[in-house]
Amino acid sequence: MVLNDYYETFEEGFDFLIAIGSVIGVFGIIIGMLGLMVLSNKYKSKMAFVLLPSIFLVILCGFDTGLRYFGMY
């Protein structure tokens, strides 16, 4: 019984981390794309370092996982 509760809590925490990664990835892509369109050339390379990890997070965690988890969808 206690072991089952432990695994349930672990699974809920893991689902939460995947959802947070998905939301951060989606918002990072939005900010990165806006930064690439608006900012000067000096800051465009820095926006690429925001965009690439965000794409990786979306690939790893899923696009709509966090949106469904937090009810934004």
Protein backbone atom coordinates (compact mmCIF):
# COMPACT_ATOMS: atom_id res chain seq x y z
CA MET A 1 0.00 0.00 0.00
CA VAL A 2 2.71 2.48 0.97
CA LEU A 3 4.84 1.48 -2.02
CA ASN A 4 1.91 2.02 -4.37
CA ASP A 5 1.38 5.55 -2.98
CA TYR A 6 5.07 6.27 -3.48
CA TYR A 7 4.95 5.26 -7.14
CA GLU A 8 1.75 7.25 -7.68
CA THR A 9 3.37 10.37 -6.25
CA PHE A 10 6.48 9.77 -8.35
CA GLU A 11 4.38 9.41 -11.49
CA GLU A 12 2.47 12.64 -10.76
CA GLY A 13 5.74 14.51 -10.26
CA PHE A 14 7.15 13.12 -13.49
CA ASP A 15 3.99 14.16 -15.40
CA PHE A 16 4.31 17.64 -13.91
CA LEU A 17 7.95 17.96 -15.04
CA ILE A 18 7.05 16.89 -18.58
CA ALA A 19 4.20 19.42 -18.64
CA ILE A 20 6.48 22.24 -17.38
CA GLY A 21 9.08 21.35 -20.03
CA SER A 22 6.43 21.48 -22.72
CA VAL A 23 5.13 24.89 -21.64
CA ILE A 24 8.63 26.34 -21.33
CA GLY A 25 9.49 24.99 -24.78
CA VAL A 26 6.40 26.49 -26.42
CA PHE A 27 6.93 29.88 -24.78
CA GLY A 28 10.64 29.76 -25.66
CA ILE A 29 9.80 29.15 -29.31
CA ILE A 30 7.39 32.10 -29.31
CA ILE A 31 9.91 34.41 -27.64
CA GLY A 32 12.73 33.18 -29.87
CA MET A 33 10.77 33.73 -33.08
CA LEU A 34 9.67 37.20 -31.99
CA GLY A 35 13.25 38.04 -31.01
CA LEU A 36 14.58 36.90 -34.38
CA MET A 37 12.05 39.09 -36.18
CA VAL A 38 12.36 42.24 -34.05
CA LEU A 39 15.84 42.50 -32.54
CA SER A 40 19.03 43.71 -34.16
CA ASN A 41 21.72 41.43 -35.55
CA LYS A 42 23.71 41.67 -32.32
CA TYR A 43 20.95 39.94 -30.35
CA LYS A 44 19.75 37.53 -33.04
CA SER A 45 22.53 35.07 -32.24
CA LYS A 46 21.46 35.14 -28.58
CA MET A 47 17.89 34.41 -29.60
CA ALA A 48 19.14 31.36 -31.46
CA PHE A 49 20.40 30.04 -28.12
CA VAL A 50 16.87 30.49 -26.76
CA LEU A 51 15.21 28.92 -29.79
CA LEU A 52 17.31 25.75 -30.09
CA PRO A 53 16.82 24.43 -26.53
CA SER A 54 13.14 25.33 -26.77
CA ILE A 55 12.77 23.21 -29.89
CA PHE A 56 14.56 20.38 -28.09
CA LEU A 57 12.15 20.67 -25.13
CA VAL A 58 9.13 20.57 -27.42
CA ILE A 59 10.50 17.50 -29.18
CA LEU A 60 11.26 15.78 -25.88
CA CYS A 61 8.11 16.71 -23.93
CA GLY A 62 5.53 17.09 -26.68
CA PHE A 63 3.84 20.17 -28.04
CA ASP A 64 0.47 20.10 -26.31
CA THR A 65 1.27 18.05 -23.21
CA GLY A 66 1.65 21.05 -20.93
CA LEU A 67 -1.23 22.91 -22.51
CA ARG A 68 -3.59 20.01 -21.77
CA TYR A 69 -2.11 19.41 -18.29
CA PHE A 70 -2.59 23.01 -17.14
CA GLY A 71 -5.91 23.51 -18.95
CA MET A 72 -4.67 26.21 -21.33
CA TYR A 73 -6.00 24.32 -24.32
